[in-house]
PDB file of N, CA and C in Angstrom:
ATOM      1  N   MET A   1      38.313  -1.170  69.411  1.00  0.00           N
ATOM      2  CA  MET A   1      38.376  -1.036  68.491  1.00  0.00           C
ATOM      3  C   MET A   1      39.527  -0.554  67.696  1.00  0.00           C
ATOM      4  N   LYS A   2      40.248  -1.412  66.465  1.00  0.00           N
ATOM      5  CA  LYS A   2      41.559  -1.172  66.299  1.00  0.00           C
ATOM      6  C   LYS A   2      41.070  -0.018  65.178  1.00  0.00           C
ATOM      7  N   MET A   3      41.974   0.824  65.147  1.00  0.00           N
ATOM      8  CA  MET A   3      41.931   1.795  63.894  1.00  0.00           C
ATOM      9  C   MET A   3      43.018   1.221  62.979  1.00  0.00           C
ATOM     10  N   ASN A   4      42.107   1.636  61.595  1.00  0.00           N
ATOM     11  CA  ASN A   4      43.132   1.339  60.379  1.00  0.00           C
ATOM     12  C   ASN A   4      44.560   2.254  60.247  1.00  0.00           C
ATOM     13  N   SER A   5      45.338   2.047  60.617  1.00  0.00           N
ATOM     14  CA  SER A   5      47.281   2.622  60.294  1.00  0.00           C
ATOM     15  C   SER A   5      46.631   3.231  59.001  1.00  0.00           C
ATOM     16  N   ALA A   6      46.358   3.048  58.080  1.00  0.00           N
ATOM     17  CA  ALA A   6      46.216   3.266  56.470  1.00  0.00           C
ATOM     18  C   ALA A   6      45.761   5.032  56.449  1.00  0.00           C
ATOM     19  N   VAL A   7      44.410   4.826  57.471  1.00  0.00           N
ATOM     20  CA  VAL A   7      43.713   6.218  57.079  1.00  0.00           C
ATOM     21  C   VAL A   7      44.109   7.195  58.688  1.00  0.00           C
ATOM     22  N   PRO A   8      44.788   8.332  57.868  1.00  0.00           N
ATOM     23  CA  PRO A   8      45.239   9.313  59.166  1.00  0.00           C
ATOM     24  C   PRO A   8      44.197   9.631  60.081  1.00  0.00           C
ATOM     25  N   ALA A   9      44.715   9.727  61.301  1.00  0.00           N
ATOM     26  CA  ALA A   9      43.556  10.020  62.346  1.00  0.00           C
ATOM     27  C   ALA A   9      43.322  11.817  61.718  1.00  0.00           C
ATOM     28  N   ARG A  10      42.132  12.597  62.270  1.00  0.00           N
ATOM     29  CA  ARG A  10      41.515  13.789  61.612  1.00  0.00           C
ATOM     30  C   ARG A  10      40.981  14.188  62.974  1.00  0.00           C
ATOM     31  N   PRO A  11      41.473  15.488  63.140  1.00  0.00           N
ATOM     32  CA  PRO A  11      40.403  16.338  64.713  1.00  0.00           C
ATOM     33  C   PRO A  11      39.076  15.961  63.777  1.00  0.00           C
ATOM     34  N   LEU A  12      37.964  16.189  65.262  1.00  0.00           N
ATOM     35  CA  LEU A  12      36.443  15.758  64.592  1.00  0.00           C
ATOM     36  C   LEU A  12      36.082  17.126  64.080  1.00  0.00           C
ATOM     37  N   GLY A  13      36.753  18.286  64.102  1.00  0.00           N
ATOM     38  CA  GLY A  13      36.071  19.273  63.307  1.00  0.00           C
ATOM     39  C   GLY A  13      36.308  19.081  61.745  1.00  0.00           C
ATOM     40  N   SER A  14      37.499  18.553  61.712  1.00  0.00           N
ATOM     41  CA  SER A  14      37.780  18.371  59.965  1.00  0.00           C
ATOM     42  C   SER A  14      37.221  17.270  59.387  1.00  0.00           C
ATOM     43  N   VAL A  15      36.560  16.296  60.157  1.00  0.00           N
ATOM     44  CA  VAL A  15      35.594  15.474  59.844  1.00  0.00           C
ATOM     45  C   VAL A  15      34.227  15.989  59.853  1.00  0.00           C
ATOM     46  N   PHE A  16      33.997  17.086  60.780  1.00  0.00           N
ATOM     47  CA  PHE A  16      32.503  17.901  60.127  1.00  0.00           C
ATOM     48  C   PHE A  16      32.329  18.569  58.411  1.00  0.00           C
ATOM     49  N   LEU A  17      33.722  19.209  58.612  1.00  0.00           N
ATOM     50  CA  LEU A  17      33.870  19.727  57.504  1.00  0.00           C
ATOM     51  C   LEU A  17      33.567  19.125  56.067  1.00  0.00           C
ATOM     52  N   LEU A  18      34.850  18.164  56.127  1.00  0.00           N
ATOM     53  CA  LEU A  18      34.625  16.841  55.046  1.00  0.00           C
ATOM     54  C   LEU A  18      33.313  16.878  54.536  1.00  0.00           C
ATOM     55  N   ILE A  19      32.312  16.073  56.082  1.00  0.00           N
ATOM     56  CA  ILE A  19      31.188  15.412  55.871  1.00  0.00           C
ATOM     57  C   ILE A  19      30.494  17.026  54.949  1.00  0.00           C
ATOM     58  N   ASN A  20      30.144  18.381  55.254  1.00  0.00           N
ATOM     59  CA  ASN A  20      29.500  18.955  54.836  1.00  0.00           C
ATOM     60  C   ASN A  20      30.105  19.407  53.632  1.00  0.00           C
ATOM     61  N   GLU A  21      31.322  19.013  52.964  1.00  0.00           N
ATOM     62  CA  GLU A  21      31.735  19.244  51.638  1.00  0.00           C
ATOM     63  C   GLU A  21      31.363  18.416  50.729  1.00  0.00           C
ATOM     64  N   VAL A  22      30.986  16.992  51.318  1.00  0.00           N
ATOM     65  CA  VAL A  22      30.603  16.176  50.808  1.00  0.00           C
ATOM     66  C   VAL A  22      29.555  16.307  50.125  1.00  0.00           C
ATOM     67  N   TYR A  23      28.335  16.708  51.315  1.00  0.00           N
ATOM     68  CA  TYR A  23      26.933  17.065  51.177  1.00  0.00           C
ATOM     69  C   TYR A  23      26.859  18.305  50.205  1.00  0.00           C
ATOM     70  N   GLU A  24      27.899  19.164  50.293  1.00  0.00           N
ATOM     71  CA  GLU A  24      27.622  20.296  49.237  1.00  0.00           C
ATOM     72  C   GLU A  24      27.415  19.974  47.836  1.00  0.00           C
ATOM     73  N   ALA A  25      28.515  19.069  47.891  1.00  0.00           N
ATOM     74  CA  ALA A  25      29.103  18.674  46.452  1.00  0.00           C
ATOM     75  C   ALA A  25      28.351  17.868  45.479  1.00  0.00           C
ATOM     76  N   ASN A  26      27.191  17.419  46.618  1.00  0.00           N
ATOM     77  CA  ASN A  26      26.208  16.248  45.823  1.00  0.00           C
ATOM     78  C   ASN A  26      24.777  16.761  45.965  1.00  0.00           C
ATOM     79  N   THR A  27      25.012  17.924  46.619  1.00  0.00           N
ATOM     80  CA  THR A  27      23.079  18.544  46.775  1.00  0.00           C
ATOM     81  C   THR A  27      22.686  19.116  45.710  1.00  0.00           C
ATOM     82  N   ALA A  28      21.280  18.697  45.416  1.00  0.00           N
ATOM     83  CA  ALA A  28      20.829  19.151  43.717  1.00  0.00           C
ATOM     84  C   ALA A  28      19.976  20.045  44.697  1.00  0.00           C
ATOM     85  N   ARG A  29      19.842  21.558  44.034  1.00  0.00           N
ATOM     86  CA  ARG A  29      18.474  22.351  44.149  1.00  0.00           C
ATOM     87  C   ARG A  29      17.785  22.835  43.357  1.00  0.00           C
ATOM     88  N   GLU A  30      16.490  22.797  43.779  1.00  0.00           N
ATOM     89  CA  GLU A  30      15.642  22.750  42.899  1.00  0.00           C
ATOM     90  C   GLU A  30      14.165  24.046  43.267  1.00  0.00           C
ATOM     91  N   PRO A  31      14.230  25.374  42.222  1.00  0.00           N
ATOM     92  CA  PRO A  31      13.473  26.314  42.359  1.00  0.00           C
ATOM     93  C   PRO A  31      12.251  25.585  42.851  1.00  0.00           C
ATOM     94  N   TRP A  32      11.418  26.100  44.145  1.00  0.00           N
ATOM     95  CA  TRP A  32      10.083  25.599  44.244  1.00  0.00           C
ATOM     96  C   TRP A  32       8.956  26.761  43.738  1.00  0.00           C
ATOM     97  N   GLN A  33       7.959  25.747  43.116  1.00  0.00           N
ATOM     98  CA  GLN A  33       6.859  26.862  42.635  1.00  0.00           C
ATOM     99  C   GLN A  33       5.725  26.462  43.174  1.00  0.00           C
ATOM    100  N   ALA A  34       4.811  27.388  43.610  1.00  0.00           N
ATOM    101  CA  ALA A  34       3.272  27.171  43.821  1.00  0.00           C
ATOM    102  C   ALA A  34       2.982  25.759  43.438  1.00  0.00           C
ATOM    103  N   GLY A  35       2.474  24.694  44.475  1.00  0.00           N
ATOM    104  CA  GLY A  35       1.747  23.540  43.790  1.00  0.00           C
ATOM    105  C   GLY A  35       2.636  22.401  44.257  1.00  0.00           C
ATOM    106  N   ASP A  36       4.238  22.852  43.917  1.00  0.00           N
ATOM    107  CA  ASP A  36       5.038  21.335  43.757  1.00  0.00           C
ATOM    108  C   ASP A  36       4.995  20.287  44.868  1.00  0.00           C
ATOM    109  N   LEU A  37       5.052  19.563  44.546  1.00  0.00           N
ATOM    110  CA  LEU A  37       5.178  18.171  45.743  1.00  0.00           C
ATOM    111  C   LEU A  37       6.417  17.395  45.515  1.00  0.00           C
ATOM    112  N   MET A  38       7.413  17.316  46.600  1.00  0.00           N
ATOM    113  CA  MET A  38       8.438  16.467  46.756  1.00  0.00           C
ATOM    114  C   MET A  38       8.481  15.336  47.381  1.00  0.00           C
ATOM    115  N   LEU A  39       8.900  13.905  46.880  1.00  0.00           N
ATOM    116  CA  LEU A  39       8.786  12.570  47.273  1.00  0.00           C
ATOM    117  C   LEU A  39      10.372  11.965  47.872  1.00  0.00           C
ATOM    118  N   VAL A  40      10.313  12.078  48.627  1.00  0.00           N
ATOM    119  CA  VAL A  40      12.219  11.489  49.088  1.00  0.00           C
ATOM    120  C   VAL A  40      11.812  10.433  49.842  1.00  0.00           C
ATOM    121  N   ASP A  41      13.019   9.369  49.313  1.00  0.00           N
ATOM    122  CA  ASP A  41      12.897   8.133  49.464  1.00  0.00           C
ATOM    123  C   ASP A  41      13.978   7.878  50.772  1.00  0.00           C
ATOM    124  N   ASN A  42      13.481   8.224  51.995  1.00  0.00           N
ATOM    125  CA  ASN A  42      14.520   8.421  53.262  1.00  0.00           C
ATOM    126  C   ASN A  42      15.766   7.209  53.423  1.00  0.00           C
ATOM    127  N   VAL A  43      15.412   6.085  52.679  1.00  0.00           N
ATOM    128  CA  VAL A  43      16.329   5.344  52.943  1.00  0.00           C
ATOM    129  C   VAL A  43      17.416   5.274  51.995  1.00  0.00           C
ATOM    130  N   ARG A  44      17.009   6.029  50.567  1.00  0.00           N
ATOM    131  CA  ARG A  44      18.295   6.123  49.604  1.00  0.00           C
ATOM    132  C   ARG A  44      19.077   7.977  49.679  1.00  0.00           C
ATOM    133  N   THR A  45      18.433   8.653  50.546  1.00  0.00           N
ATOM    134  CA  THR A  45      18.324  10.304  50.276  1.00  0.00           C
ATOM    135  C   THR A  45      18.867  10.656  51.364  1.00  0.00           C
ATOM    136  N   ALA A  46      20.236  11.755  51.990  1.00  0.00           N
ATOM    137  CA  ALA A  46      19.771  12.280  52.990  1.00  0.00           C
ATOM    138  C   ALA A  46      18.932  13.708  52.461  1.00  0.00           C
ATOM    139  N   HIS A  47      18.377  14.410  53.112  1.00  0.00           N
ATOM    140  CA  HIS A  47      17.710  15.531  52.577  1.00  0.00           C
ATOM    141  C   HIS A  47      17.583  16.329  53.801  1.00  0.00           C
ATOM    142  N   GLY A  48      16.757  17.848  53.437  1.00  0.00           N
ATOM    143  CA  GLY A  48      17.170  19.032  54.422  1.00  0.00           C
ATOM    144  C   GLY A  48      16.583  19.863  53.748  1.00  0.00           C
ATOM    145  N   ARG A  49      16.509  20.949  54.181  1.00  0.00           N
ATOM    146  CA  ARG A  49      16.040  22.446  53.625  1.00  0.00           C
ATOM    147  C   ARG A  49      17.096  23.346  54.051  1.00  0.00           C
ATOM    148  N   GLU A  50      16.970  24.882  52.908  1.00  0.00           N
ATOM    149  CA  GLU A  50      18.242  25.320  53.161  1.00  0.00           C
ATOM    150  C   GLU A  50      16.942  26.539  54.060  1.00  0.00           C
ATOM    151  N   HIS A  51      17.403  27.594  54.841  1.00  0.00           N
ATOM    152  CA  HIS A  51      16.747  28.684  55.487  1.00  0.00           C
ATOM    153  C   HIS A  51      16.452  29.674  54.685  1.00  0.00           C
ATOM    154  N   PHE A  52      14.746  29.941  55.157  1.00  0.00           N
ATOM    155  CA  PHE A  52      14.101  30.613  54.153  1.00  0.00           C
ATOM    156  C   PHE A  52      13.421  31.389  55.233  1.00  0.00           C
ATOM    157  N   GLU A  53      12.508  32.413  54.975  1.00  0.00           N
ATOM    158  CA  GLU A  53      11.461  32.873  55.757  1.00  0.00           C
ATOM    159  C   GLU A  53       9.902  33.244  54.962  1.00  0.00           C
ATOM    160  N   GLY A  54       9.225  32.637  55.727  1.00  0.00           N
ATOM    161  CA  GLY A  54       7.992  33.004  54.890  1.00  0.00           C
ATOM    162  C   GLY A  54       6.896  31.605  55.872  1.00  0.00           C
ATOM    163  N   PRO A  55       5.594  31.645  54.945  1.00  0.00           N
ATOM    164  CA  PRO A  55       5.055  30.422  55.640  1.00  0.00           C
ATOM    165  C   PRO A  55       5.265  29.199  54.859  1.00  0.00           C
ATOM    166  N   ARG A  56       5.244  28.143  55.461  1.00  0.00           N
ATOM    167  CA  ARG A  56       5.336  26.748  54.949  1.00  0.00           C
ATOM    168  C   ARG A  56       4.392  25.873  55.068  1.00  0.00           C
ATOM    169  N   GLU A  57       3.875  24.992  54.594  1.00  0.00           N
ATOM    170  CA  GLU A  57       3.097  23.493  54.926  1.00  0.00           C
ATOM    171  C   GLU A  57       3.810  22.176  54.313  1.00  0.00           C
ATOM    172  N   VAL A  58       3.859  21.508  56.037  1.00  0.00           N
ATOM    173  CA  VAL A  58       4.828  19.973  55.172  1.00  0.00           C
ATOM    174  C   VAL A  58       3.407  19.004  56.120  1.00  0.00           C
ATOM    175  N   LEU A  59       3.543  18.331  54.923  1.00  0.00           N
ATOM    176  CA  LEU A  59       2.369  17.215  55.145  1.00  0.00           C
ATOM    177  C   LEU A  59       3.526  16.092  54.695  1.00  0.00           C
ATOM    178  N   VAL A  60       2.926  14.845  55.787  1.00  0.00           N
ATOM    179  CA  VAL A  60       3.725  13.548  55.906  1.00  0.00           C
ATOM    180  C   VAL A  60       2.916  12.615  55.388  1.00  0.00           C
ATOM    181  N   ALA A  61       3.342  11.552  54.630  1.00  0.00           N
ATOM    182  CA  ALA A  61       2.491  10.301  54.585  1.00  0.00           C
ATOM    183  C   ALA A  61       3.520   9.490  54.569  1.00  0.00           C
ATOM    184  N   MET A  62       3.134   8.371  55.297  1.00  0.00           N
ATOM    185  CA  MET A  62       4.528   6.963  55.161  1.00  0.00           C
ATOM    186  C   MET A  62       3.935   5.854  54.438  1.00  0.00           C
ATOM    187  N   ALA A  63       4.586   5.099  53.736  1.00  0.00           N
ATOM    188  CA  ALA A  63       4.320   3.798  52.998  1.00  0.00           C
ATOM    189  C   ALA A  63       5.177   2.723  52.880  1.00  0.00           C
ATOM    190  N   ASP A  64       4.657   1.808  52.978  1.00  0.00           N
ATOM    191  CA  ASP A  64       5.838   0.478  52.534  1.00  0.00           C
ATOM    192  C   ASP A  64       6.704   0.722  50.923  1.00  0.00           C
ATOM    193  N   ALA A  65       7.739   0.035  51.220  1.00  0.00           N
ATOM    194  CA  ALA A  65       8.459   0.180  49.917  1.00  0.00           C
ATOM    195  C   ALA A  65       7.711  -0.291  48.898  1.00  0.00           C
ATOM    196  N   VAL A  66       7.854   0.556  47.929  1.00  0.00           N
ATOM    197  CA  VAL A  66       7.246   0.031  46.340  1.00  0.00           C
ATOM    198  C   VAL A  66       8.579   0.362  45.214  1.00  0.00           C
ATOM    199  N   HIS A  67       8.451  -0.787  44.415  1.00  0.00           N
ATOM    200  CA  HIS A  67       9.892  -0.798  43.567  1.00  0.00           C
ATOM    201  C   HIS A  67       9.384   0.471  41.872  1.00  0.00           C
ATOM    202  N   LEU A  68       9.957   0.829  41.773  1.00  0.00           N
ATOM    203  CA  LEU A  68       9.517   1.635  40.929  1.00  0.00           C
ATOM    204  C   LEU A  68       9.078   0.675  39.315  1.00  0.00           C
ATOM    205  N   ALA A  69      10.155  -0.339  39.152  1.00  0.00           N
ATOM    206  CA  ALA A  69       9.082  -1.487  38.344  1.00  0.00           C
ATOM    207  C   ALA A  69       7.750  -1.355  38.272  1.00  0.00           C
ATOM    208  N   ASP A  70       7.642  -1.899  39.432  1.00  0.00           N
ATOM    209  CA  ASP A  70       5.861  -2.243  39.826  1.00  0.00           C
ATOM    210  C   ASP A  70       5.238  -1.284  39.655  1.00  0.00           C
ATOM    211  N   CYS A  71       5.472   0.274  39.151  1.00  0.00           N
ATOM    212  CA  CYS A  71       4.624   1.593  38.967  1.00  0.00           C
ATOM    213  C   CYS A  71       4.182   1.643  37.161  1.00  0.00           C
ATOM    214  N   SER A  72       3.384   2.206  37.395  1.00  0.00           N
ATOM    215  CA  SER A  72       3.339   3.120  35.753  1.00  0.00           C
ATOM    216  C   SER A  72       3.096   4.290  36.184  1.00  0.00           C
ATOM    217  N   PRO A  73       4.544   5.014  35.847  1.00  0.00           N
ATOM    218  CA  PRO A  73       4.684   6.696  36.243  1.00  0.00           C
ATOM    219  C   PRO A  73       3.770   7.298  35.116  1.00  0.00           C
ATOM    220  N   THR A  74       3.226   8.526  35.433  1.00  0.00           N
ATOM    221  CA  THR A  74       2.405   9.333  34.807  1.00  0.00           C
ATOM    222  C   THR A  74       3.212  10.380  33.917  1.00  0.00           C
ATOM    223  N   ILE A  75       4.664  10.596  34.409  1.00  0.00           N
ATOM    224  CA  ILE A  75       5.644  11.451  33.843  1.00  0.00           C
ATOM    225  C   ILE A  75       6.970  10.393  33.874  1.00  0.00           C
ATOM    226  N   GLU A  76       7.749  11.129  32.894  1.00  0.00           N
ATOM    227  CA  GLU A  76       9.229  10.651  32.517  1.00  0.00           C
ATOM    228  C   GLU A  76      10.250  10.679  34.014  1.00  0.00           C
ATOM    229  N   VAL A  77      10.644   9.482  34.431  1.00  0.00           N
ATOM    230  CA  VAL A  77      11.397   9.422  35.501  1.00  0.00           C
ATOM    231  C   VAL A  77      12.874   9.673  35.228  1.00  0.00           C
ATOM    232  N   THR A  78      13.296  10.857  35.887  1.00  0.00           N
ATOM    233  CA  THR A  78      14.414  11.161  35.127  1.00  0.00           C
ATOM    234  C   THR A  78      15.712  11.301  36.139  1.00  0.00           C
ATOM    235  N   ALA A  79      15.444  10.494  37.627  1.00  0.00           N
ATOM    236  CA  ALA A  79      16.469  10.390  38.273  1.00  0.00           C
ATOM    237  C   ALA A  79      16.151   9.261  39.391  1.00  0.00           C
ATOM    238  N   ILE A  80      16.655   8.070  39.698  1.00  0.00           N
ATOM    239  CA  ILE A  80      16.784   7.491  40.751  1.00  0.00           C
ATOM    240  C   ILE A  80      17.558   7.223  41.196  1.00  0.00           C
TER     241      ILE A  80
END
């Protein structure tokens, strides 16, 4: 594989630090309340969770892709 000479080589550790900085700069945090539900598009979203203590319940459902234009949302869509 030919390296791009315009991009300086970085030690692997600094690459991980850069990736973490980019993730942190683009992270959206929302406080959770009882009964909250989060839907995540695994194709368009890098997702995870912060460390916490206490019980949690994780439910997973898989489905075919659906375009928002084909849906009738019952709430205002604030992000795509």
